[in-house]
C-alpha atoms as a PDB file:
ATOM      1  CA  UNK A   1      30.912  99.093  67.236  1.00  0.00           C
ATOM      2  CA  UNK A   2      30.229  97.481  63.576  1.00  0.00           C
ATOM      3  CA  UNK A   3      31.060 100.590  61.679  1.00  0.00           C
ATOM      4  CA  UNK A   4      34.646 100.103  63.472  1.00  0.00           C
ATOM      5  CA  UNK A   5      34.876  96.703  62.238  1.00  0.00           C
ATOM      6  CA  UNK A   6      33.492  97.748  58.863  1.00  0.00           C
ATOM      7  CA  UNK A   7      36.786 100.152  58.936  1.00  0.00           C
ATOM      8  CA  UNK A   8      39.218  97.581  59.705  1.00  0.00           C
ATOM      9  CA  UNK A   9      38.207  94.931  57.292  1.00  0.00           C
ATOM     10  CA  UNK A  10      38.499  97.481  54.708  1.00  0.00           C
ATOM     11  CA  UNK A  11      42.422  98.925  55.995  1.00  0.00           C
ATOM     12  CA  UNK A  12      42.669  94.773  55.725  1.00  0.00           C
ATOM     13  CA  UNK A  13      41.169  94.070  52.359  1.00  0.00           C
ATOM     14  CA  UNK A  14      44.087  95.382  50.196  1.00  0.00           C
ATOM     15  CA  UNK A  15      46.190  92.812  51.554  1.00  0.00           C
ATOM     16  CA  UNK A  16      44.103  89.938  50.440  1.00  0.00           C
ATOM     17  CA  UNK A  17      43.916  90.702  47.190  1.00  0.00           C
ATOM     18  CA  UNK A  18      45.905  93.612  45.868  1.00  0.00           C
ATOM     19  CA  UNK A  19      49.318  93.526  47.502  1.00  0.00           C
ATOM     20  CA  UNK A  20      52.038  90.700  47.168  1.00  0.00           C
ATOM     21  CA  UNK A  21      54.888  90.197  49.850  1.00  0.00           C
ATOM     22  CA  UNK A  22      57.047  91.764  47.258  1.00  0.00           C
ATOM     23  CA  UNK A  23      54.753  95.088  46.539  1.00  0.00           C
ATOM     24  CA  UNK A  24      56.355  98.754  47.162  1.00  0.00           C
ATOM     25  CA  UNK A  25      53.826  99.402  49.924  1.00  0.00           C
ATOM     26  CA  UNK A  26      53.949  96.540  51.753  1.00  0.00           C
ATOM     27  CA  UNK A  27      55.650  98.406  55.169  1.00  0.00           C
ATOM     28  CA  UNK A  28      52.570 101.210  54.460  1.00  0.00           C
ATOM     29  CA  UNK A  29      50.134  97.831  54.587  1.00  0.00           C
ATOM     30  CA  UNK A  30      51.504  96.567  57.357  1.00  0.00           C
ATOM     31  CA  UNK A  31      51.849  99.894  59.365  1.00  0.00           C
ATOM     32  CA  UNK A  32      47.974 100.816  58.293  1.00  0.00           C
ATOM     33  CA  UNK A  33      46.725  97.697  59.412  1.00  0.00           C
ATOM     34  CA  UNK A  34      48.824  98.163  63.110  1.00  0.00           C
ATOM     35  CA  UNK A  35      47.138 101.500  63.699  1.00  0.00           C
ATOM     36  CA  UNK A  36      43.879 100.286  62.731  1.00  0.00           C
ATOM     37  CA  UNK A  37      44.117  97.600  65.290  1.00  0.00           C
ATOM     38  CA  UNK A  38      44.932 100.078  68.140  1.00  0.00           C
ATOM     39  CA  UNK A  39      42.408 102.417  67.481  1.00  0.00           C
ATOM     40  CA  UNK A  40      40.287  98.712  67.671  1.00  0.00           C
ATOM     41  CA  UNK A  41      41.778  97.761  70.444  1.00  0.00           C
ATOM     42  CA  UNK A  42      41.690 100.892  72.277  1.00  0.00           C
ATOM     43  CA  UNK A  43      37.572 101.101  72.109  1.00  0.00           C
ATOM     44  CA  UNK A  44      37.367  98.179  72.868  1.00  0.00           C
ATOM     45  CA  UNK A  45      39.303  98.341  76.537  1.00  0.00           C
ATOM     46  CA  UNK A  46      37.078 101.646  77.015  1.00  0.00           C
ATOM     47  CA  UNK A  47      33.963  99.124  76.064  1.00  0.00           C
ATOM     48  CA  UNK A  48      35.142  96.703  78.684  1.00  0.00           C
ATOM     49  CA  UNK A  49      35.975  99.963  81.543  1.00  0.00           C
ATOM     50  CA  UNK A  50      32.382 100.961  80.676  1.00  0.00           C
ATOM     51  CA  UNK A  51      30.891  97.715  81.450  1.00  0.00           C
ATOM     52  CA  UNK A  52      33.111  96.795  84.282  1.00  0.00           C
ATOM     53  CA  UNK A  53      31.912 100.291  86.087  1.00  0.00           C
ATOM     54  CA  UNK A  54      27.873  99.356  85.156  1.00  0.00           C
ATOM     55  CA  UNK A  55      28.098  96.051  86.880  1.00  0.00           C
ATOM     56  CA  UNK A  56      29.942  97.594  89.872  1.00  0.00           C
ATOM     57  CA  UNK A  57      26.667 100.281  89.690  1.00  0.00           C
ATOM     58  CA  UNK A  58      24.338  97.454  89.670  1.00  0.00           C
ATOM     59  CA  UNK A  59      25.694  95.478  91.916  1.00  0.00           C
ATOM     60  CA  UNK A  60      25.771  98.546  94.220  1.00  0.00           C
ATOM     61  CA  UNK A  61      22.217  99.159  93.622  1.00  0.00           C
ATOM     62  CA  UNK A  62      20.911  95.779  94.078  1.00  0.00           C
ATOM     63  CA  UNK A  63      22.560  95.984  97.533  1.00  0.00           C
ATOM     64  CA  UNK A  64      20.306  98.696  98.788  1.00  0.00           C
END
């Protein structure tokens, strides 16, 4: 998970220093940030699904 968060941090960083809100590339920057956030959200959703499946299996194994 850490490499993905680091990647998102790299995507966001230019907006903290190099870009102003009147920059010509602001639309591209916003699109890139949204794409990075979507990728991270998908990863988190998949991790949550796996966690739920492991929890269910753990409950089944503990019952028997």
